[in-house]
Each structure stands twice: as structure tokens, then as C-alpha cells.
Amino acid sequence: MILVTGGTGFLGSYLIRSLVDAGKPVRALYRKQPSPRLQDIADKIEWVPGDILDVCALEDAMVGITQVYHCAAVVSFLPADRSRMLRINVEGTANVVNMALDAGVKKLLHVSSVAAIGRAKEGGAINEDCEWEDSKNNSQYSISKLQAEMEVWRGIAEGLDAVMVNPSIILGAGFWEDGSGALIKKAWNEFPFYTEGVNGFVDVRDVVTAMIQLMDSDIIGERFILSADNWSYRQLFTTMAASLQKKPPHIAAKPWMTEAVWRVERLKGLLTGKHPLITRETARTARLKVYYDNNKILQTLPGFDFRPLADTIRDISAAFLKDQSLLQQ
């Protein structure tokens, strides 16, 4: 029996569907309600109410479990979410590790993030051996994921067989209102600004494939960057716009402009009560040029490869257009 935390989220939903398609028995935690996106296979999933901050619920959920995929986490760059994010991402991971140890789970796969990996020297690519350095460019999210990783390393030292993946920005269809799903909406709405910042991007389907292969292998005590390509945000949004037959971004956002925008967005949020579209952290991250080295996972998993980002964007755009068409009917 396999336990998935974060099963109602973006990555967790894709993971559960792949596990079910492979005929594997799945138990998944939910806090409010089971994922409606998995309703067509609901009879093949054992949904159990629970929260990774609830040790008793976790203990019950671990009964009979041999593998745990820990996907649950809060991803936020809002100052108001900092304490909640640190609690769920760090304390929640500690609880999962402790209960897995107590239950005698055979293997844990922890979903971390490239944000938890140290920065490479200027001009270099980030790999799994890079060391963390304190920097103003480290977000509270990245700090929380680093500390969560430390809980997993602690579990490994205490005898838990575990492996970690560090995805870059995950792209996939659905969840259009949150995270990377909101990027396609920006292209759809012909957001005019772009930055020359560079980041890593990866297809959610490739992340799931790598996770399952790592779980089913004898690899433990390692972490792996999952990133297909390093693209500029300008290239990303231009490619998305072309797939949607929309106007591409055409105004270069200067540093002073991004600094002004996040301040305006913050004020609007205070006045309307809505979350700002751009925060100080996201505005500054959009200007950074960060490159990720994916050689380790490619050399470790025979036959594994990443989809080209252009193919991922084509598939996401087609799914988005289909959903838009359904909404208009």
C-alpha cells in the first residue's frame, strides 16, 4: 500500500493518477475533501481525512504502508503566509518522517525543490552538490524547503530509507488559478511585460515518472534535480503566447519597474483583501538568471529523459483552450 500526502494538489493529483493507472494500491490524505479532479478513479483510491500536522491522523494513515510519497507543502511568496508555510513545510515533514520511522515504512520519497539547493558561482549551473549560502535572494519558501530537507536527512540518519527530488518550476495542465497554471493565463491575457531572468522548467508528467522510478529503485540517501530546460521568462511567455495565438510580451520590465509594481500590488491587496499577483520575492526572482544541471538524474535512471519544453507548452495550451471552450458553452 502506498501513501500520498498532498494528493489533492497539482503534483499529487498527477502522481495518484499514474500510480492508479499502474495498478498500484493508493491511500491519500485529504484535509477538506478528496480531489474532484480524480473523481473518475475515486473507487480506486482510499481517501482518508488527515493533516500532516496531526500526528495521530498520520499514525493511522501509515498503518500497512510500505511506500510514502510526501508531496504536501505550501508554496507561497506572500509575507502573510510565512509562519504557516514554515510550520507545514518543516514541522509537517518532521511528522511524516517520524511516523514513517515508527511504522517501519520501507521507503519515503520527499518532494523538495530546487529552491532548497545552494546557488552556483556566477556563470555556473546549479547541481545537487552546491552548498546553501545565505542570501537576500533566498525566499522564505526556499528556507522552508531547506529545513524540510534537513528533517529528511535526519530521518535517513535514524534508519529511514529515503530519496528526494528537487523539481524546478513544474508545468502542467489544470489548476489554472494557482502556481505555474497561472502562467498560461498571463499569456492568454496578453501580459505585456517580460524580464530576461532565467529559470528551470519541467513537465509535471516527467516529475511523476522520475518519482515512481526512483521509488521503485534501490536508490536511497540521494537527491535529484528535475529540470528539463533553462529558459528565460521572455522565451517562456512568447512560446505560450504563440501556442495560444495571442500577442507576445513586448515591454522589457526594468528593475525600477518591477520594484514599483510589487509595491502597487501590495497596496491593492491591502485595499481589496485579495492576494497580490506580484510580490517583492517574485518580482526580484523574475530578474535572476539561474541555471540547473539535470545530468545526475539522466545518468541514474536508464531510459529516462525530459520532454522538450516546447512540447509541454503545446500540450498545456491545448488543454487550456479546451477548458476555455467548455466554460463558454
C-alpha atoms as a PDB file:
ATOM      1  CA  MET A   1       0.000   0.000   0.000  1.00  0.00           C
ATOM      2  CA  ILE A   2       1.272   3.460  -0.970  1.00  0.00           C
ATOM      3  CA  LEU A   3       0.521   6.653   0.968  1.00  0.00           C
ATOM      4  CA  VAL A   4       0.478  10.014  -0.802  1.00  0.00           C
ATOM      5  CA  THR A   5       0.432  13.283   1.122  1.00  0.00           C
ATOM      6  CA  GLY A   6      -0.669  16.348  -0.806  1.00  0.00           C
ATOM      7  CA  GLY A   7      -2.834  14.167  -3.019  1.00  0.00           C
ATOM      8  CA  THR A   8      -5.360  16.922  -3.700  1.00  0.00           C
ATOM      9  CA  GLY A   9      -2.676  19.259  -5.046  1.00  0.00           C
ATOM     10  CA  PHE A  10      -1.259  19.740  -8.522  1.00  0.00           C
ATOM     11  CA  LEU A  11       1.668  17.295  -8.426  1.00  0.00           C
ATOM     12  CA  GLY A  12      -0.081  14.880  -6.052  1.00  0.00           C
ATOM     13  CA  SER A  13      -3.075  14.534  -8.368  1.00  0.00           C
ATOM     14  CA  TYR A  14      -0.869  13.649 -11.335  1.00  0.00           C
ATOM     15  CA  LEU A  15       1.097  11.206  -9.189  1.00  0.00           C
ATOM     16  CA  ILE A  16      -2.007   9.407  -7.888  1.00  0.00           C
ATOM     17  CA  ARG A  17      -3.419   9.010 -11.386  1.00  0.00           C
ATOM     18  CA  SER A  18      -0.154   7.464 -12.604  1.00  0.00           C
ATOM     19  CA  LEU A  19       0.007   5.094  -9.641  1.00  0.00           C
ATOM     20  CA  VAL A  20      -3.603   4.001 -10.166  1.00  0.00           C
ATOM     21  CA  ASP A  21      -3.014   3.549 -13.902  1.00  0.00           C
ATOM     22  CA  ALA A  22      -0.110   1.254 -12.986  1.00  0.00           C
ATOM     23  CA  GLY A  23      -2.446  -0.837 -10.838  1.00  0.00           C
ATOM     24  CA  LYS A  24      -0.867   0.156  -7.537  1.00  0.00           C
ATOM     25  CA  PRO A  25      -2.959   0.453  -4.341  1.00  0.00           C
ATOM     26  CA  VAL A  26      -3.066   4.067  -3.160  1.00  0.00           C
ATOM     27  CA  ARG A  27      -4.105   5.712   0.078  1.00  0.00           C
ATOM     28  CA  ALA A  28      -4.223   9.509   0.038  1.00  0.00           C
ATOM     29  CA  LEU A  29      -4.691  12.169   2.690  1.00  0.00           C
ATOM     30  CA  TYR A  30      -7.160  14.990   2.312  1.00  0.00           C
ATOM     31  CA  ARG A  31      -7.937  17.906   4.626  1.00  0.00           C
ATOM     32  CA  LYS A  32     -11.218  19.302   3.272  1.00  0.00           C
ATOM     33  CA  GLN A  33     -12.393  16.932   0.555  1.00  0.00           C
ATOM     34  CA  PRO A  34     -10.936  14.359  -1.879  1.00  0.00           C
ATOM     35  CA  SER A  35      -9.734  15.783  -5.167  1.00  0.00           C
ATOM     36  CA  PRO A  36     -12.634  16.333  -7.602  1.00  0.00           C
ATOM     37  CA  ARG A  37     -10.077  16.044 -10.417  1.00  0.00           C
ATOM     38  CA  LEU A  38      -9.704  12.359  -9.570  1.00  0.00           C
ATOM     39  CA  GLN A  39     -13.418  11.626  -9.282  1.00  0.00           C
ATOM     40  CA  ASP A  40     -13.331   9.268 -12.277  1.00  0.00           C
ATOM     41  CA  ILE A  41     -10.949   6.939 -10.380  1.00  0.00           C
ATOM     42  CA  ALA A  42     -12.241   7.641  -6.862  1.00  0.00           C
ATOM     43  CA  ASP A  43     -13.219   3.988  -6.372  1.00  0.00           C
ATOM     44  CA  LYS A  44      -9.560   3.003  -6.806  1.00  0.00           C
ATOM     45  CA  ILE A  45      -8.221   5.423  -4.182  1.00  0.00           C
ATOM     46  CA  GLU A  46      -8.517   5.027  -0.430  1.00  0.00           C
ATOM     47  CA  TRP A  47      -9.089   8.611   0.650  1.00  0.00           C
ATOM     48  CA  VAL A  48      -8.570   9.225   4.369  1.00  0.00           C
ATOM     49  CA  PRO A  49      -9.081  12.502   6.247  1.00  0.00           C
ATOM     50  CA  GLY A  50      -5.901  13.813   7.784  1.00  0.00           C
ATOM     51  CA  ASP A  51      -3.346  16.551   8.067  1.00  0.00           C
ATOM     52  CA  ILE A  52       0.440  16.272   8.246  1.00  0.00           C
ATOM     53  CA  LEU A  53       0.311  18.494  11.342  1.00  0.00           C
ATOM     54  CA  ASP A  54      -1.963  15.915  13.021  1.00  0.00           C
ATOM     55  CA  VAL A  55       0.355  13.210  14.340  1.00  0.00           C
ATOM     56  CA  CYS A  56      -2.489  10.882  15.351  1.00  0.00           C
ATOM     57  CA  ALA A  57      -4.079  11.055  11.898  1.00  0.00           C
ATOM     58  CA  LEU A  58      -0.687  10.410  10.293  1.00  0.00           C
ATOM     59  CA  GLU A  59      -0.112   7.420  12.557  1.00  0.00           C
ATOM     60  CA  ASP A  60      -3.432   5.901  11.481  1.00  0.00           C
ATOM     61  CA  ALA A  61      -2.732   6.650   7.809  1.00  0.00           C
ATOM     62  CA  MET A  62       0.630   4.862   7.984  1.00  0.00           C
ATOM     63  CA  VAL A  63      -0.843   1.519   9.072  1.00  0.00           C
ATOM     64  CA  GLY A  64       0.060  -1.106   6.471  1.00  0.00           C
ATOM     65  CA  ILE A  65       2.002   1.382   4.335  1.00  0.00           C
ATOM     66  CA  THR A  66       5.250   0.353   2.616  1.00  0.00           C
ATOM     67  CA  GLN A  67       5.940   3.452   0.489  1.00  0.00           C
ATOM     68  CA  VAL A  68       5.274   7.140   1.204  1.00  0.00           C
ATOM     69  CA  TYR A  69       5.297   9.935  -1.361  1.00  0.00           C
ATOM     70  CA  HIS A  70       5.456  13.185   0.602  1.00  0.00           C
ATOM     71  CA  CYS A  71       4.114  15.877  -1.752  1.00  0.00           C
ATOM     72  CA  ALA A  72       2.250  18.068   0.745  1.00  0.00           C
ATOM     73  CA  ALA A  73       3.639  21.593   1.103  1.00  0.00           C
ATOM     74  CA  VAL A  74       2.674  25.228   0.993  1.00  0.00           C
ATOM     75  CA  VAL A  75       4.142  27.232  -1.876  1.00  0.00           C
ATOM     76  CA  SER A  76       3.750  30.936  -1.239  1.00  0.00           C
ATOM     77  CA  PHE A  77       5.670  34.167  -1.600  1.00  0.00           C
ATOM     78  CA  LEU A  78       3.225  36.221   0.437  1.00  0.00           C
ATOM     79  CA  PRO A  79       4.637  37.698   3.667  1.00  0.00           C
ATOM     80  CA  ALA A  80       1.404  36.805   5.489  1.00  0.00           C
ATOM     81  CA  ASP A  81       1.934  33.093   4.728  1.00  0.00           C
ATOM     82  CA  ARG A  82       5.452  32.802   6.125  1.00  0.00           C
ATOM     83  CA  SER A  83       4.684  31.312   9.525  1.00  0.00           C
ATOM     84  CA  ARG A  84       2.062  28.900   8.136  1.00  0.00           C
ATOM     85  CA  MET A  85       4.420  27.833   5.358  1.00  0.00           C
ATOM     86  CA  LEU A  86       7.294  27.194   7.731  1.00  0.00           C
ATOM     87  CA  ARG A  87       5.053  25.205  10.050  1.00  0.00           C
ATOM     88  CA  ILE A  88       3.524  22.976   7.384  1.00  0.00           C
ATOM     89  CA  ASN A  89       6.651  22.517   5.284  1.00  0.00           C
ATOM     90  CA  VAL A  90       9.057  21.920   8.167  1.00  0.00           C
ATOM     91  CA  GLU A  91       7.025  20.623  11.113  1.00  0.00           C
ATOM     92  CA  GLY A  92       4.758  18.663   8.773  1.00  0.00           C
ATOM     93  CA  THR A  93       7.734  16.975   7.108  1.00  0.00           C
ATOM     94  CA  ALA A  94       9.209  16.138  10.526  1.00  0.00           C
ATOM     95  CA  ASN A  95       5.906  14.474  11.442  1.00  0.00           C
ATOM     96  CA  VAL A  96       5.847  12.442   8.223  1.00  0.00           C
ATOM     97  CA  VAL A  97       9.442  11.317   8.789  1.00  0.00           C
ATOM     98  CA  ASN A  98       8.789  10.363  12.422  1.00  0.00           C
ATOM     99  CA  MET A  99       5.629   8.424  11.663  1.00  0.00           C
ATOM    100  CA  ALA A 100       7.305   6.645   8.746  1.00  0.00           C
ATOM    101  CA  LEU A 101      10.084   5.555  11.068  1.00  0.00           C
ATOM    102  CA  ASP A 102       7.603   4.363  13.690  1.00  0.00           C
ATOM    103  CA  ALA A 103       5.511   2.482  11.118  1.00  0.00           C
ATOM    104  CA  GLY A 104       8.508   0.741   9.568  1.00  0.00           C
ATOM    105  CA  VAL A 105       7.851   2.216   6.134  1.00  0.00           C
ATOM    106  CA  LYS A 106      10.223   0.711   3.593  1.00  0.00           C
ATOM    107  CA  LYS A 107      10.867   3.907   1.633  1.00  0.00           C
ATOM    108  CA  LEU A 108       9.973   7.597   1.611  1.00  0.00           C
ATOM    109  CA  LEU A 109      10.195   9.893  -1.386  1.00  0.00           C
ATOM    110  CA  HIS A 110      10.236  13.546  -0.406  1.00  0.00           C
ATOM    111  CA  VAL A 111       9.332  16.257  -2.899  1.00  0.00           C
ATOM    112  CA  SER A 112      11.663  19.146  -2.214  1.00  0.00           C
ATOM    113  CA  SER A 113      12.514  21.975  -4.626  1.00  0.00           C
ATOM    114  CA  VAL A 114      15.465  23.456  -6.469  1.00  0.00           C
ATOM    115  CA  ALA A 115      14.851  26.395  -4.128  1.00  0.00           C
ATOM    116  CA  ALA A 116      16.380  24.291  -1.340  1.00  0.00           C
ATOM    117  CA  ILE A 117      19.696  23.915  -3.185  1.00  0.00           C
ATOM    118  CA  GLY A 118      22.541  26.362  -2.813  1.00  0.00           C
ATOM    119  CA  ARG A 119      23.457  28.828  -5.513  1.00  0.00           C
ATOM    120  CA  ALA A 120      26.206  28.098  -8.037  1.00  0.00           C
ATOM    121  CA  LYS A 121      29.037  30.517  -8.527  1.00  0.00           C
ATOM    122  CA  GLU A 122      28.361  33.245 -11.066  1.00  0.00           C
ATOM    123  CA  GLY A 123      28.046  31.819 -14.554  1.00  0.00           C
ATOM    124  CA  GLY A 124      27.794  28.218 -13.368  1.00  0.00           C
ATOM    125  CA  ALA A 125      24.923  25.767 -13.256  1.00  0.00           C
ATOM    126  CA  ILE A 126      23.377  24.569 -10.013  1.00  0.00           C
ATOM    127  CA  ASN A 127      23.765  20.874  -9.274  1.00  0.00           C
ATOM    128  CA  GLU A 128      22.987  18.641  -6.301  1.00  0.00           C
ATOM    129  CA  ASP A 129      26.390  19.291  -4.710  1.00  0.00           C
ATOM    130  CA  CYS A 130      26.002  23.057  -4.440  1.00  0.00           C
ATOM    131  CA  GLU A 131      26.111  24.323  -0.880  1.00  0.00           C
ATOM    132  CA  TRP A 132      23.487  26.609   0.604  1.00  0.00           C
ATOM    133  CA  GLU A 133      24.511  30.213   1.137  1.00  0.00           C
ATOM    134  CA  ASP A 134      22.541  32.854   2.990  1.00  0.00           C
ATOM    135  CA  SER A 135      21.388  35.489   0.523  1.00  0.00           C
ATOM    136  CA  LYS A 136      18.706  38.122   0.098  1.00  0.00           C
ATOM    137  CA  ASN A 137      17.674  36.123  -2.972  1.00  0.00           C
ATOM    138  CA  ASN A 138      16.592  33.189  -0.783  1.00  0.00           C
ATOM    139  CA  SER A 139      12.836  33.328  -0.292  1.00  0.00           C
ATOM    140  CA  GLN A 140      11.029  32.184   2.830  1.00  0.00           C
ATOM    141  CA  TYR A 141       9.737  29.323   0.708  1.00  0.00           C
ATOM    142  CA  SER A 142      13.280  28.229  -0.141  1.00  0.00           C
ATOM    143  CA  ILE A 143      14.277  28.405   3.529  1.00  0.00           C
ATOM    144  CA  SER A 144      11.281  26.253   4.486  1.00  0.00           C
ATOM    145  CA  LYS A 145      12.167  23.630   1.863  1.00  0.00           C
ATOM    146  CA  LEU A 146      15.792  23.575   3.009  1.00  0.00           C
ATOM    147  CA  GLN A 147      14.719  22.970   6.587  1.00  0.00           C
ATOM    148  CA  ALA A 148      12.269  20.288   5.420  1.00  0.00           C
ATOM    149  CA  GLU A 149      15.127  18.526   3.635  1.00  0.00           C
ATOM    150  CA  MET A 150      17.110  18.612   6.859  1.00  0.00           C
ATOM    151  CA  GLU A 151      14.297  16.690   8.552  1.00  0.00           C
ATOM    152  CA  VAL A 152      14.512  14.028   5.844  1.00  0.00           C
ATOM    153  CA  TRP A 153      18.309  13.798   6.207  1.00  0.00           C
ATOM    154  CA  ARG A 154      17.752  13.407   9.940  1.00  0.00           C
ATOM    155  CA  GLY A 155      15.323  10.566   9.247  1.00  0.00           C
ATOM    156  CA  ILE A 156      17.882   8.908   6.974  1.00  0.00           C
ATOM    157  CA  ALA A 157      20.448   9.112   9.769  1.00  0.00           C
ATOM    158  CA  GLU A 158      17.921   7.394  12.046  1.00  0.00           C
ATOM    159  CA  GLY A 159      17.470   4.495   9.637  1.00  0.00           C
ATOM    160  CA  LEU A 160      14.783   5.627   7.189  1.00  0.00           C
ATOM    161  CA  ASP A 161      15.322   4.705   3.536  1.00  0.00           C
ATOM    162  CA  ALA A 162      14.510   7.877   1.650  1.00  0.00           C
ATOM    163  CA  VAL A 163      15.226   9.732  -1.561  1.00  0.00           C
ATOM    164  CA  MET A 164      14.484  13.334  -2.551  1.00  0.00           C
ATOM    165  CA  VAL A 165      13.607  15.122  -5.774  1.00  0.00           C
ATOM    166  CA  ASN A 166      14.181  18.819  -6.393  1.00  0.00           C
ATOM    167  CA  PRO A 167      11.928  19.961  -9.250  1.00  0.00           C
ATOM    168  CA  SER A 168      12.297  23.357 -10.857  1.00  0.00           C
ATOM    169  CA  ILE A 169       9.110  25.213 -11.886  1.00  0.00           C
ATOM    170  CA  ILE A 170       6.602  22.461 -12.694  1.00  0.00           C
ATOM    171  CA  LEU A 171       4.380  22.993 -15.727  1.00  0.00           C
ATOM    172  CA  GLY A 172       1.212  21.066 -16.456  1.00  0.00           C
ATOM    173  CA  ALA A 173      -2.436  21.297 -17.434  1.00  0.00           C
ATOM    174  CA  GLY A 174      -5.141  22.161 -14.933  1.00  0.00           C
ATOM    175  CA  PHE A 175      -5.034  24.194 -11.735  1.00  0.00           C
ATOM    176  CA  TRP A 176      -5.155  27.344 -13.843  1.00  0.00           C
ATOM    177  CA  GLU A 177      -5.660  29.654 -10.870  1.00  0.00           C
ATOM    178  CA  ASP A 178      -2.565  28.637  -8.898  1.00  0.00           C
ATOM    179  CA  GLY A 179       1.180  28.351  -9.261  1.00  0.00           C
ATOM    180  CA  SER A 180       2.524  27.570 -12.706  1.00  0.00           C
ATOM    181  CA  GLY A 181      -1.014  27.185 -14.058  1.00  0.00           C
ATOM    182  CA  ALA A 182      -1.418  30.934 -13.674  1.00  0.00           C
ATOM    183  CA  LEU A 183       1.474  31.487 -16.112  1.00  0.00           C
ATOM    184  CA  ILE A 184      -0.599  30.314 -19.070  1.00  0.00           C
ATOM    185  CA  LYS A 185      -3.361  32.718 -18.027  1.00  0.00           C
ATOM    186  CA  LYS A 186      -0.890  35.598 -18.163  1.00  0.00           C
ATOM    187  CA  ALA A 187      -0.053  34.653 -21.746  1.00  0.00           C
ATOM    188  CA  TRP A 188      -3.777  34.296 -22.536  1.00  0.00           C
ATOM    189  CA  ASN A 189      -4.420  37.774 -21.170  1.00  0.00           C
ATOM    190  CA  GLU A 190      -1.518  39.144 -23.237  1.00  0.00           C
ATOM    191  CA  PHE A 191       0.508  40.336 -20.257  1.00  0.00           C
ATOM    192  CA  PRO A 192       2.798  42.874 -21.988  1.00  0.00           C
ATOM    193  CA  PHE A 193       5.881  42.816 -19.759  1.00  0.00           C
ATOM    194  CA  TYR A 194       8.812  40.454 -19.760  1.00  0.00           C
ATOM    195  CA  THR A 195      12.108  40.072 -17.941  1.00  0.00           C
ATOM    196  CA  GLU A 196      15.314  38.467 -19.141  1.00  0.00           C
ATOM    197  CA  GLY A 197      15.509  36.385 -15.976  1.00  0.00           C
ATOM    198  CA  VAL A 198      16.205  32.678 -16.488  1.00  0.00           C
ATOM    199  CA  ASN A 199      14.850  29.703 -14.569  1.00  0.00           C
ATOM    200  CA  GLY A 200      14.412  25.958 -14.912  1.00  0.00           C
ATOM    201  CA  PHE A 201      11.129  24.399 -16.028  1.00  0.00           C
ATOM    202  CA  VAL A 202       9.889  20.813 -16.126  1.00  0.00           C
ATOM    203  CA  ASP A 203       6.781  18.899 -17.222  1.00  0.00           C
ATOM    204  CA  VAL A 204       4.704  17.528 -14.330  1.00  0.00           C
ATOM    205  CA  ARG A 205       4.455  14.180 -16.157  1.00  0.00           C
ATOM    206  CA  ASP A 206       8.242  13.855 -16.190  1.00  0.00           C
ATOM    207  CA  VAL A 207       8.430  14.683 -12.486  1.00  0.00           C
ATOM    208  CA  VAL A 208       5.936  11.904 -11.736  1.00  0.00           C
ATOM    209  CA  THR A 209       7.780   9.400 -13.929  1.00  0.00           C
ATOM    210  CA  ALA A 210      11.085  10.145 -12.212  1.00  0.00           C
ATOM    211  CA  MET A 211       9.478   9.916  -8.770  1.00  0.00           C
ATOM    212  CA  ILE A 212       7.986   6.491  -9.417  1.00  0.00           C
ATOM    213  CA  GLN A 213      11.188   5.139 -10.953  1.00  0.00           C
ATOM    214  CA  LEU A 214      13.243   6.390  -8.015  1.00  0.00           C
ATOM    215  CA  MET A 215      10.784   4.951  -5.510  1.00  0.00           C
ATOM    216  CA  ASP A 216      10.853   1.550  -7.175  1.00  0.00           C
ATOM    217  CA  SER A 217      14.662   1.534  -7.366  1.00  0.00           C
ATOM    218  CA  ASP A 218      17.169   0.699  -4.643  1.00  0.00           C
ATOM    219  CA  ILE A 219      18.436   4.296  -4.603  1.00  0.00           C
ATOM    220  CA  ILE A 220      18.410   5.911  -1.159  1.00  0.00           C
ATOM    221  CA  GLY A 221      20.141   8.805   0.554  1.00  0.00           C
ATOM    222  CA  GLU A 222      20.293  10.916  -2.618  1.00  0.00           C
ATOM    223  CA  ARG A 223      18.591  13.957  -4.077  1.00  0.00           C
ATOM    224  CA  PHE A 224      17.962  14.706  -7.739  1.00  0.00           C
ATOM    225  CA  ILE A 225      17.307  17.911  -9.643  1.00  0.00           C
ATOM    226  CA  LEU A 226      14.343  17.507 -12.004  1.00  0.00           C
ATOM    227  CA  SER A 227      14.519  20.224 -14.636  1.00  0.00           C
ATOM    228  CA  ALA A 228      14.114  19.873 -18.391  1.00  0.00           C
ATOM    229  CA  ASP A 229      15.486  23.168 -19.700  1.00  0.00           C
ATOM    230  CA  ASN A 230      16.623  26.607 -18.609  1.00  0.00           C
ATOM    231  CA  TRP A 231      14.569  29.269 -20.350  1.00  0.00           C
ATOM    232  CA  SER A 232      14.183  32.999 -19.947  1.00  0.00           C
ATOM    233  CA  TYR A 233      10.751  34.169 -18.855  1.00  0.00           C
ATOM    234  CA  ARG A 234      10.574  36.085 -22.114  1.00  0.00           C
ATOM    235  CA  GLN A 235      11.078  32.885 -24.113  1.00  0.00           C
ATOM    236  CA  LEU A 236       8.534  31.065 -21.957  1.00  0.00           C
ATOM    237  CA  PHE A 237       5.760  33.637 -22.323  1.00  0.00           C
ATOM    238  CA  THR A 238       6.494  34.208 -26.012  1.00  0.00           C
ATOM    239  CA  THR A 239       6.172  30.477 -26.694  1.00  0.00           C
ATOM    240  CA  MET A 240       2.964  30.285 -24.656  1.00  0.00           C
ATOM    241  CA  ALA A 241       1.502  33.271 -26.493  1.00  0.00           C
ATOM    242  CA  ALA A 242       2.304  31.705 -29.867  1.00  0.00           C
ATOM    243  CA  SER A 243       0.594  28.449 -28.835  1.00  0.00           C
ATOM    244  CA  LEU A 244      -2.488  30.398 -27.778  1.00  0.00           C
ATOM    245  CA  GLN A 245      -2.365  32.690 -30.821  1.00  0.00           C
ATOM    246  CA  LYS A 246      -2.003  35.690 -28.562  1.00  0.00           C
ATOM    247  CA  LYS A 247       0.225  38.750 -28.659  1.00  0.00           C
ATOM    248  CA  PRO A 248       3.612  38.041 -27.025  1.00  0.00           C
ATOM    249  CA  PRO A 249       5.110  40.231 -24.283  1.00  0.00           C
ATOM    250  CA  HIS A 250       6.850  43.226 -25.803  1.00  0.00           C
ATOM    251  CA  ILE A 251       7.836  45.603 -22.988  1.00  0.00           C
ATOM    252  CA  ALA A 252      11.070  44.951 -21.122  1.00  0.00           C
ATOM    253  CA  ALA A 253      10.448  45.295 -17.385  1.00  0.00           C
ATOM    254  CA  LYS A 254      13.317  47.309 -15.914  1.00  0.00           C
ATOM    255  CA  PRO A 255      14.348  46.744 -12.278  1.00  0.00           C
ATOM    256  CA  TRP A 256      12.765  50.007 -11.153  1.00  0.00           C
ATOM    257  CA  MET A 257       9.523  48.978 -12.853  1.00  0.00           C
ATOM    258  CA  THR A 258       9.312  45.612 -11.082  1.00  0.00           C
ATOM    259  CA  GLU A 259      10.098  47.275  -7.761  1.00  0.00           C
ATOM    260  CA  ALA A 260       7.267  49.736  -8.338  1.00  0.00           C
ATOM    261  CA  VAL A 261       4.827  47.039  -9.487  1.00  0.00           C
ATOM    262  CA  TRP A 262       5.124  44.837  -6.399  1.00  0.00           C
ATOM    263  CA  ARG A 263       4.573  47.877  -4.174  1.00  0.00           C
ATOM    264  CA  VAL A 264       1.448  48.833  -6.122  1.00  0.00           C
ATOM    265  CA  GLU A 265       0.211  45.230  -5.981  1.00  0.00           C
ATOM    266  CA  ARG A 266       0.791  45.139  -2.236  1.00  0.00           C
ATOM    267  CA  LEU A 267      -1.260  48.318  -1.768  1.00  0.00           C
ATOM    268  CA  LYS A 268      -4.050  46.952  -3.954  1.00  0.00           C
ATOM    269  CA  GLY A 269      -4.057  43.781  -1.878  1.00  0.00           C
ATOM    270  CA  LEU A 270      -4.398  45.752   1.338  1.00  0.00           C
ATOM    271  CA  LEU A 271      -7.312  47.723  -0.080  1.00  0.00           C
ATOM    272  CA  THR A 272      -9.174  44.825  -1.724  1.00  0.00           C
ATOM    273  CA  GLY A 273      -8.232  41.920   0.529  1.00  0.00           C
ATOM    274  CA  LYS A 274      -7.068  39.928  -2.498  1.00  0.00           C
ATOM    275  CA  HIS A 275      -3.673  38.297  -2.795  1.00  0.00           C
ATOM    276  CA  PRO A 276      -1.284  40.412  -4.888  1.00  0.00           C
ATOM    277  CA  LEU A 277      -0.335  38.957  -8.262  1.00  0.00           C
ATOM    278  CA  ILE A 278       3.285  40.024  -7.776  1.00  0.00           C
ATOM    279  CA  THR A 279       5.214  40.191  -4.503  1.00  0.00           C
ATOM    280  CA  ARG A 280       8.650  41.528  -3.657  1.00  0.00           C
ATOM    281  CA  GLU A 281      10.084  38.000  -3.770  1.00  0.00           C
ATOM    282  CA  THR A 282       8.541  37.065  -7.127  1.00  0.00           C
ATOM    283  CA  ALA A 283       9.480  40.425  -8.669  1.00  0.00           C
ATOM    284  CA  ARG A 284      13.120  40.012  -7.720  1.00  0.00           C
ATOM    285  CA  THR A 285      13.248  36.320  -8.625  1.00  0.00           C
ATOM    286  CA  ALA A 286      11.990  37.153 -12.127  1.00  0.00           C
ATOM    287  CA  ARG A 287      15.185  39.137 -12.741  1.00  0.00           C
ATOM    288  CA  LEU A 288      17.605  36.410 -11.645  1.00  0.00           C
ATOM    289  CA  LYS A 289      19.377  34.190 -14.153  1.00  0.00           C
ATOM    290  CA  VAL A 290      19.522  30.709 -12.644  1.00  0.00           C
ATOM    291  CA  TYR A 291      20.604  27.573 -14.487  1.00  0.00           C
ATOM    292  CA  TYR A 292      20.113  23.980 -13.345  1.00  0.00           C
ATOM    293  CA  ASP A 293      22.151  20.888 -14.233  1.00  0.00           C
ATOM    294  CA  ASN A 294      19.996  17.776 -14.760  1.00  0.00           C
ATOM    295  CA  ASN A 295      22.807  15.334 -15.592  1.00  0.00           C
ATOM    296  CA  LYS A 296      22.556  13.324 -12.363  1.00  0.00           C
ATOM    297  CA  ILE A 297      19.001  12.074 -12.913  1.00  0.00           C
ATOM    298  CA  LEU A 298      19.669  11.391 -16.615  1.00  0.00           C
ATOM    299  CA  GLN A 299      22.724   9.287 -15.749  1.00  0.00           C
ATOM    300  CA  THR A 300      20.957   7.490 -12.875  1.00  0.00           C
ATOM    301  CA  LEU A 301      17.694   6.363 -14.471  1.00  0.00           C
ATOM    302  CA  PRO A 302      18.234   4.279 -17.627  1.00  0.00           C
ATOM    303  CA  GLY A 303      15.981   5.359 -20.458  1.00  0.00           C
ATOM    304  CA  PHE A 304      14.610   8.401 -18.637  1.00  0.00           C
ATOM    305  CA  ASP A 305      14.533  11.709 -20.477  1.00  0.00           C
ATOM    306  CA  PHE A 306      12.698  15.015 -20.272  1.00  0.00           C
ATOM    307  CA  ARG A 307      10.131  16.250 -22.750  1.00  0.00           C
ATOM    308  CA  PRO A 308      11.173  19.364 -24.684  1.00  0.00           C
ATOM    309  CA  LEU A 309       9.569  22.415 -23.098  1.00  0.00           C
ATOM    310  CA  ALA A 310       8.044  23.392 -26.429  1.00  0.00           C
ATOM    311  CA  ASP A 311       6.070  20.116 -26.405  1.00  0.00           C
ATOM    312  CA  THR A 312       4.977  20.694 -22.803  1.00  0.00           C
ATOM    313  CA  ILE A 313       3.732  24.196 -23.621  1.00  0.00           C
ATOM    314  CA  ARG A 314       1.897  22.906 -26.697  1.00  0.00           C
ATOM    315  CA  ASP A 315       0.067  20.314 -24.580  1.00  0.00           C
ATOM    316  CA  ILE A 316      -0.752  22.776 -21.793  1.00  0.00           C
ATOM    317  CA  SER A 317      -2.044  25.345 -24.269  1.00  0.00           C
ATOM    318  CA  ALA A 318      -4.290  22.771 -25.952  1.00  0.00           C
ATOM    319  CA  ALA A 319      -5.734  21.744 -22.577  1.00  0.00           C
ATOM    320  CA  PHE A 320      -6.268  25.377 -21.584  1.00  0.00           C
ATOM    321  CA  LEU A 321      -8.054  26.196 -24.829  1.00  0.00           C
ATOM    322  CA  LYS A 322     -10.266  23.137 -24.395  1.00  0.00           C
ATOM    323  CA  ASP A 323     -11.219  24.213 -20.878  1.00  0.00           C
ATOM    324  CA  GLN A 324     -11.896  27.746 -22.059  1.00  0.00           C
ATOM    325  CA  SER A 325     -14.179  26.377 -24.770  1.00  0.00           C
ATOM    326  CA  LEU A 326     -16.098  24.273 -22.253  1.00  0.00           C
ATOM    327  CA  LEU A 327     -16.586  27.280 -19.976  1.00  0.00           C
ATOM    328  CA  GLN A 328     -18.074  29.297 -22.829  1.00  0.00           C
ATOM    329  CA  GLN A 329     -20.624  26.620 -23.753  1.00  0.00           C
END
